[in-house]
Amino acid sequence: MANLALVYGMRLLPAEDLQQVGDADVKLKNGNTAHVTMHVLEGSKEEIEKQLRNSLEAFFEFYPDL
């Protein structure tokens, strides 16, 4: 199995301050660019933590061979 890198970012902001969230660009050594889809989770601390755990579990379901 290849050595993998999970790319992610987090920032906690007041939900009412958000206007738009876009993709993040990742530059690869081969000169290509990949895109990372950004996700927004809203709610209380506990709700956000639960949503984040569920999202992480669902993400790895896309890669059953890992």
PDB file of N, CA and C in Angstrom:
ATOM      1  N   MET A   1       0.838  -1.181   0.000  1.00  0.00           N
ATOM      2  CA  MET A   1       0.000   0.000   0.000  1.00  0.00           C
ATOM      3  C   MET A   1       0.887   1.250   0.000  1.00  0.00           C
ATOM      4  N   ALA A   2       0.472   2.243  -0.745  1.00  0.00           N
ATOM      5  CA  ALA A   2       1.219   3.494  -0.822  1.00  0.00           C
ATOM      6  C   ALA A   2       1.118   4.269   0.490  1.00  0.00           C
ATOM      7  N   ASN A   3       2.118   5.078   0.758  1.00  0.00           N
ATOM      8  CA  ASN A   3       2.062   5.999   1.880  1.00  0.00           C
ATOM      9  C   ASN A   3       1.077   7.105   1.497  1.00  0.00           C
ATOM     10  N   LEU A   4       0.077   7.338   2.308  1.00  0.00           N
ATOM     11  CA  LEU A   4      -0.996   8.269   1.980  1.00  0.00           C
ATOM     12  C   LEU A   4      -0.871   9.563   2.773  1.00  0.00           C
ATOM     13  N   ALA A   5      -1.526  10.612   2.276  1.00  0.00           N
ATOM     14  CA  ALA A   5      -1.623  11.889   2.991  1.00  0.00           C
ATOM     15  C   ALA A   5      -3.082  12.321   2.974  1.00  0.00           C
ATOM     16  N   LEU A   6      -3.666  12.535   4.129  1.00  0.00           N
ATOM     17  CA  LEU A   6      -5.031  13.050   4.235  1.00  0.00           C
ATOM     18  C   LEU A   6      -4.923  14.568   4.365  1.00  0.00           C
ATOM     19  N   VAL A   7      -5.504  15.279   3.403  1.00  0.00           N
ATOM     20  CA  VAL A   7      -5.431  16.744   3.393  1.00  0.00           C
ATOM     21  C   VAL A   7      -6.758  17.289   3.905  1.00  0.00           C
ATOM     22  N   TYR A   8      -6.701  18.110   4.923  1.00  0.00           N
ATOM     23  CA  TYR A   8      -7.929  18.691   5.458  1.00  0.00           C
ATOM     24  C   TYR A   8      -7.614  20.026   6.126  1.00  0.00           C
ATOM     25  N   GLY A   9      -8.645  20.796   6.373  1.00  0.00           N
ATOM     26  CA  GLY A   9      -8.497  22.064   7.076  1.00  0.00           C
ATOM     27  C   GLY A   9      -9.711  22.312   7.945  1.00  0.00           C
ATOM     28  N   MET A  10      -9.527  23.045   9.020  1.00  0.00           N
ATOM     29  CA  MET A  10     -10.636  23.367   9.911  1.00  0.00           C
ATOM     30  C   MET A  10     -10.506  24.791  10.408  1.00  0.00           C
ATOM     31  N   ARG A  11     -11.653  25.412  10.544  1.00  0.00           N
ATOM     32  CA  ARG A  11     -11.704  26.731  11.158  1.00  0.00           C
ATOM     33  C   ARG A  11     -13.099  26.898  11.720  1.00  0.00           C
ATOM     34  N   LEU A  12     -13.201  27.329  12.945  1.00  0.00           N
ATOM     35  CA  LEU A  12     -14.488  27.521  13.593  1.00  0.00           C
ATOM     36  C   LEU A  12     -14.861  28.994  13.516  1.00  0.00           C
ATOM     37  N   LEU A  13     -16.013  29.279  12.904  1.00  0.00           N
ATOM     38  CA  LEU A  13     -16.497  30.642  12.713  1.00  0.00           C
ATOM     39  C   LEU A  13     -17.964  30.717  13.112  1.00  0.00           C
ATOM     40  N   PRO A  14     -18.461  31.899  13.443  1.00  0.00           N
ATOM     41  CA  PRO A  14     -19.898  32.026  13.672  1.00  0.00           C
ATOM     42  C   PRO A  14     -20.652  31.703  12.378  1.00  0.00           C
ATOM     43  N   ALA A  15     -21.640  30.813  12.454  1.00  0.00           N
ATOM     44  CA  ALA A  15     -22.366  30.370  11.260  1.00  0.00           C
ATOM     45  C   ALA A  15     -22.975  31.538  10.502  1.00  0.00           C
ATOM     46  N   GLU A  16     -23.460  32.541  11.211  1.00  0.00           N
ATOM     47  CA  GLU A  16     -24.108  33.672  10.543  1.00  0.00           C
ATOM     48  C   GLU A  16     -23.121  34.549   9.772  1.00  0.00           C
ATOM     49  N   ASP A  17     -21.827  34.372   9.991  1.00  0.00           N
ATOM     50  CA  ASP A  17     -20.826  35.163   9.275  1.00  0.00           C
ATOM     51  C   ASP A  17     -20.441  34.560   7.927  1.00  0.00           C
ATOM     52  N   LEU A  18     -20.787  33.297   7.683  1.00  0.00           N
ATOM     53  CA  LEU A  18     -20.400  32.632   6.436  1.00  0.00           C
ATOM     54  C   LEU A  18     -21.215  33.150   5.260  1.00  0.00           C
ATOM     55  N   GLN A  19     -20.522  33.426   4.176  1.00  0.00           N
ATOM     56  CA  GLN A  19     -21.200  33.805   2.951  1.00  0.00           C
ATOM     57  C   GLN A  19     -20.985  32.751   1.874  1.00  0.00           C
ATOM     58  N   GLN A  20     -19.728  32.284   1.727  1.00  0.00           N
ATOM     59  CA  GLN A  20     -19.409  31.334   0.662  1.00  0.00           C
ATOM     60  C   GLN A  20     -18.180  30.526   1.056  1.00  0.00           C
ATOM     61  N   VAL A  21     -18.182  29.263   0.678  1.00  0.00           N
ATOM     62  CA  VAL A  21     -17.032  28.387   0.893  1.00  0.00           C
ATOM     63  C   VAL A  21     -16.706  27.748  -0.445  1.00  0.00           C
ATOM     64  N   GLY A  22     -15.445  27.814  -0.858  1.00  0.00           N
ATOM     65  CA  GLY A  22     -15.030  27.235  -2.133  1.00  0.00           C
ATOM     66  C   GLY A  22     -14.055  26.094  -1.933  1.00  0.00           C
ATOM     67  N   ASP A  23     -13.696  25.450  -3.027  1.00  0.00           N
ATOM     68  CA  ASP A  23     -12.714  24.373  -2.990  1.00  0.00           C
ATOM     69  C   ASP A  23     -11.329  24.925  -2.689  1.00  0.00           C
ATOM     70  N   ALA A  24     -10.484  24.076  -2.132  1.00  0.00           N
ATOM     71  CA  ALA A  24      -9.081  24.428  -1.906  1.00  0.00           C
ATOM     72  C   ALA A  24      -8.234  23.709  -2.953  1.00  0.00           C
ATOM     73  N   ASP A  25      -7.222  24.359  -3.456  1.00  0.00           N
ATOM     74  CA  ASP A  25      -6.321  23.765  -4.436  1.00  0.00           C
ATOM     75  C   ASP A  25      -5.118  23.136  -3.750  1.00  0.00           C
ATOM     76  N   VAL A  26      -4.706  21.988  -4.280  1.00  0.00           N
ATOM     77  CA  VAL A  26      -3.508  21.301  -3.802  1.00  0.00           C
ATOM     78  C   VAL A  26      -2.579  21.138  -5.000  1.00  0.00           C
ATOM     79  N   LYS A  27      -1.356  21.613  -4.886  1.00  0.00           N
ATOM     80  CA  LYS A  27      -0.381  21.481  -5.972  1.00  0.00           C
ATOM     81  C   LYS A  27       0.448  20.223  -5.745  1.00  0.00           C
ATOM     82  N   LEU A  28       0.478  19.365  -6.783  1.00  0.00           N
ATOM     83  CA  LEU A  28       1.209  18.113  -6.705  1.00  0.00           C
ATOM     84  C   LEU A  28       2.613  18.258  -7.293  1.00  0.00           C
ATOM     85  N   LYS A  29       3.517  17.411  -6.863  1.00  0.00           N
ATOM     86  CA  LYS A  29       4.903  17.475  -7.331  1.00  0.00           C
ATOM     87  C   LYS A  29       5.032  17.271  -8.831  1.00  0.00           C
ATOM     88  N   ASN A  30       4.080  16.561  -9.440  1.00  0.00           N
ATOM     89  CA  ASN A  30       4.154  16.322 -10.880  1.00  0.00           C
ATOM     90  C   ASN A  30       3.634  17.505 -11.702  1.00  0.00           C
ATOM     91  N   GLY A  31       3.289  18.602 -11.018  1.00  0.00           N
ATOM     92  CA  GLY A  31       2.814  19.803 -11.702  1.00  0.00           C
ATOM     93  C   GLY A  31       1.307  19.900 -11.808  1.00  0.00           C
ATOM     94  N   ASN A  32       0.594  18.825 -11.501  1.00  0.00           N
ATOM     95  CA  ASN A  32      -0.861  18.853 -11.546  1.00  0.00           C
ATOM     96  C   ASN A  32      -1.431  19.548 -10.319  1.00  0.00           C
ATOM     97  N   THR A  33      -2.694  19.930 -10.431  1.00  0.00           N
ATOM     98  CA  THR A  33      -3.419  20.514  -9.312  1.00  0.00           C
ATOM     99  C   THR A  33      -4.607  19.630  -8.989  1.00  0.00           C
ATOM    100  N   ALA A  34      -4.815  19.352  -7.726  1.00  0.00           N
ATOM    101  CA  ALA A  34      -5.985  18.606  -7.268  1.00  0.00           C
ATOM    102  C   ALA A  34      -6.852  19.571  -6.465  1.00  0.00           C
ATOM    103  N   HIS A  35      -8.102  19.222  -6.309  1.00  0.00           N
ATOM    104  CA  HIS A  35      -9.019  20.076  -5.563  1.00  0.00           C
ATOM    105  C   HIS A  35      -9.549  19.322  -4.350  1.00  0.00           C
ATOM    106  N   VAL A  36      -9.668  20.025  -3.248  1.00  0.00           N
ATOM    107  CA  VAL A  36     -10.225  19.476  -2.025  1.00  0.00           C
ATOM    108  C   VAL A  36     -11.555  20.175  -1.791  1.00  0.00           C
ATOM    109  N   THR A  37     -12.617  19.391  -1.721  1.00  0.00           N
ATOM    110  CA  THR A  37     -13.929  19.956  -1.458  1.00  0.00           C
ATOM    111  C   THR A  37     -14.027  20.333   0.010  1.00  0.00           C
ATOM    112  N   MET A  38     -14.416  21.549   0.267  1.00  0.00           N
ATOM    113  CA  MET A  38     -14.578  22.013   1.638  1.00  0.00           C
ATOM    114  C   MET A  38     -16.004  21.732   2.083  1.00  0.00           C
ATOM    115  N   HIS A  39     -16.180  21.389   3.333  1.00  0.00           N
ATOM    116  CA  HIS A  39     -17.495  21.078   3.885  1.00  0.00           C
ATOM    117  C   HIS A  39     -17.775  22.006   5.060  1.00  0.00           C
ATOM    118  N   VAL A  40     -19.034  22.312   5.262  1.00  0.00           N
ATOM    119  CA  VAL A  40     -19.451  23.156   6.379  1.00  0.00           C
ATOM    120  C   VAL A  40     -20.344  22.328   7.295  1.00  0.00           C
ATOM    121  N   LEU A  41     -20.015  22.301   8.571  1.00  0.00           N
ATOM    122  CA  LEU A  41     -20.822  21.649   9.590  1.00  0.00           C
ATOM    123  C   LEU A  41     -21.286  22.723  10.560  1.00  0.00           C
ATOM    124  N   GLU A  42     -22.573  22.767  10.826  1.00  0.00           N
ATOM    125  CA  GLU A  42     -23.116  23.777  11.736  1.00  0.00           C
ATOM    126  C   GLU A  42     -23.826  23.113  12.897  1.00  0.00           C
ATOM    127  N   GLY A  43     -23.873  23.790  14.019  1.00  0.00           N
ATOM    128  CA  GLY A  43     -24.590  23.307  15.191  1.00  0.00           C
ATOM    129  C   GLY A  43     -23.806  23.584  16.451  1.00  0.00           C
ATOM    130  N   SER A  44     -24.198  22.916  17.509  1.00  0.00           N
ATOM    131  CA  SER A  44     -23.472  23.037  18.773  1.00  0.00           C
ATOM    132  C   SER A  44     -22.156  22.279  18.657  1.00  0.00           C
ATOM    133  N   LYS A  45     -21.303  22.435  19.643  1.00  0.00           N
ATOM    134  CA  LYS A  45     -20.030  21.712  19.660  1.00  0.00           C
ATOM    135  C   LYS A  45     -20.269  20.215  19.524  1.00  0.00           C
ATOM    136  N   GLU A  46     -21.214  19.701  20.277  1.00  0.00           N
ATOM    137  CA  GLU A  46     -21.498  18.267  20.251  1.00  0.00           C
ATOM    138  C   GLU A  46     -22.038  17.827  18.891  1.00  0.00           C
ATOM    139  N   GLU A  47     -22.919  18.641  18.297  1.00  0.00           N
ATOM    140  CA  GLU A  47     -23.482  18.313  16.986  1.00  0.00           C
ATOM    141  C   GLU A  47     -22.395  18.315  15.909  1.00  0.00           C
ATOM    142  N   ILE A  48     -21.513  19.295  15.966  1.00  0.00           N
ATOM    143  CA  ILE A  48     -20.419  19.369  14.993  1.00  0.00           C
ATOM    144  C   ILE A  48     -19.492  18.178  15.147  1.00  0.00           C
ATOM    145  N   GLU A  49     -19.149  17.819  16.382  1.00  0.00           N
ATOM    146  CA  GLU A  49     -18.275  16.666  16.609  1.00  0.00           C
ATOM    147  C   GLU A  49     -18.904  15.387  16.059  1.00  0.00           C
ATOM    148  N   LYS A  50     -20.209  15.200  16.270  1.00  0.00           N
ATOM    149  CA  LYS A  50     -20.899  14.011  15.768  1.00  0.00           C
ATOM    150  C   LYS A  50     -20.902  13.990  14.246  1.00  0.00           C
ATOM    151  N   GLN A  51     -21.217  15.133  13.621  1.00  0.00           N
ATOM    152  CA  GLN A  51     -21.228  15.216  12.166  1.00  0.00           C
ATOM    153  C   GLN A  51     -19.836  14.944  11.595  1.00  0.00           C
ATOM    154  N   LEU A  52     -18.805  15.467  12.256  1.00  0.00           N
ATOM    155  CA  LEU A  52     -17.434  15.268  11.783  1.00  0.00           C
ATOM    156  C   LEU A  52     -17.041  13.801  11.856  1.00  0.00           C
ATOM    157  N   ARG A  53     -17.382  13.131  12.952  1.00  0.00           N
ATOM    158  CA  ARG A  53     -17.092  11.688  13.074  1.00  0.00           C
ATOM    159  C   ARG A  53     -17.814  10.906  11.974  1.00  0.00           C
ATOM    160  N   ASN A  54     -19.082  11.218  11.752  1.00  0.00           N
ATOM    161  CA  ASN A  54     -19.843  10.521  10.710  1.00  0.00           C
ATOM    162  C   ASN A  54     -19.257  10.775   9.332  1.00  0.00           C
ATOM    163  N   SER A  55     -18.837  12.003   9.075  1.00  0.00           N
ATOM    164  CA  SER A  55     -18.240  12.336   7.774  1.00  0.00           C
ATOM    165  C   SER A  55     -16.935  11.587   7.564  1.00  0.00           C
ATOM    166  N   LEU A  56     -16.123  11.497   8.595  1.00  0.00           N
ATOM    167  CA  LEU A  56     -14.846  10.791   8.491  1.00  0.00           C
ATOM    168  C   LEU A  56     -15.067   9.302   8.233  1.00  0.00           C
ATOM    169  N   GLU A  57     -16.016   8.705   8.941  1.00  0.00           N
ATOM    170  CA  GLU A  57     -16.324   7.296   8.713  1.00  0.00           C
ATOM    171  C   GLU A  57     -16.827   7.073   7.285  1.00  0.00           C
ATOM    172  N   ALA A  58     -17.702   7.950   6.814  1.00  0.00           N
ATOM    173  CA  ALA A  58     -18.246   7.825   5.454  1.00  0.00           C
ATOM    174  C   ALA A  58     -17.153   8.010   4.411  1.00  0.00           C
ATOM    175  N   PHE A  59     -16.220   8.918   4.662  1.00  0.00           N
ATOM    176  CA  PHE A  59     -15.124   9.164   3.727  1.00  0.00           C
ATOM    177  C   PHE A  59     -14.329   7.887   3.492  1.00  0.00           C
ATOM    178  N   PHE A  60     -13.978   7.182   4.546  1.00  0.00           N
ATOM    179  CA  PHE A  60     -13.161   5.982   4.406  1.00  0.00           C
ATOM    180  C   PHE A  60     -13.943   4.805   3.827  1.00  0.00           C
ATOM    181  N   GLU A  61     -15.276   4.881   3.806  1.00  0.00           N
ATOM    182  CA  GLU A  61     -16.069   3.850   3.129  1.00  0.00           C
ATOM    183  C   GLU A  61     -15.822   3.889   1.618  1.00  0.00           C
ATOM    184  N   PHE A  62     -15.372   5.047   1.087  1.00  0.00           N
ATOM    185  CA  PHE A  62     -15.037   5.152  -0.325  1.00  0.00           C
ATOM    186  C   PHE A  62     -13.772   4.360  -0.653  1.00  0.00           C
ATOM    187  N   TYR A  63     -12.974   4.030   0.354  1.00  0.00           N
ATOM    188  CA  TYR A  63     -11.700   3.343   0.176  1.00  0.00           C
ATOM    189  C   TYR A  63     -11.684   2.049   0.972  1.00  0.00           C
ATOM    190  N   PRO A  64     -12.495   1.062   0.607  1.00  0.00           N
ATOM    191  CA  PRO A  64     -12.599  -0.164   1.414  1.00  0.00           C
ATOM    192  C   PRO A  64     -11.322  -0.986   1.460  1.00  0.00           C
ATOM    193  N   ASP A  65     -10.390  -0.759   0.532  1.00  0.00           N
ATOM    194  CA  ASP A  65      -9.159  -1.555   0.504  1.00  0.00           C
ATOM    195  C   ASP A  65      -8.086  -1.034   1.456  1.00  0.00           C
ATOM    196  N   LEU A  66      -8.333   0.066   2.120  1.00  0.00           N
ATOM    197  CA  LEU A  66      -7.323   0.616   3.041  1.00  0.00           C
ATOM    198  C   LEU A  66      -7.321  -0.142   4.344  1.00  0.00           C
TER     199      LEU A  66
END
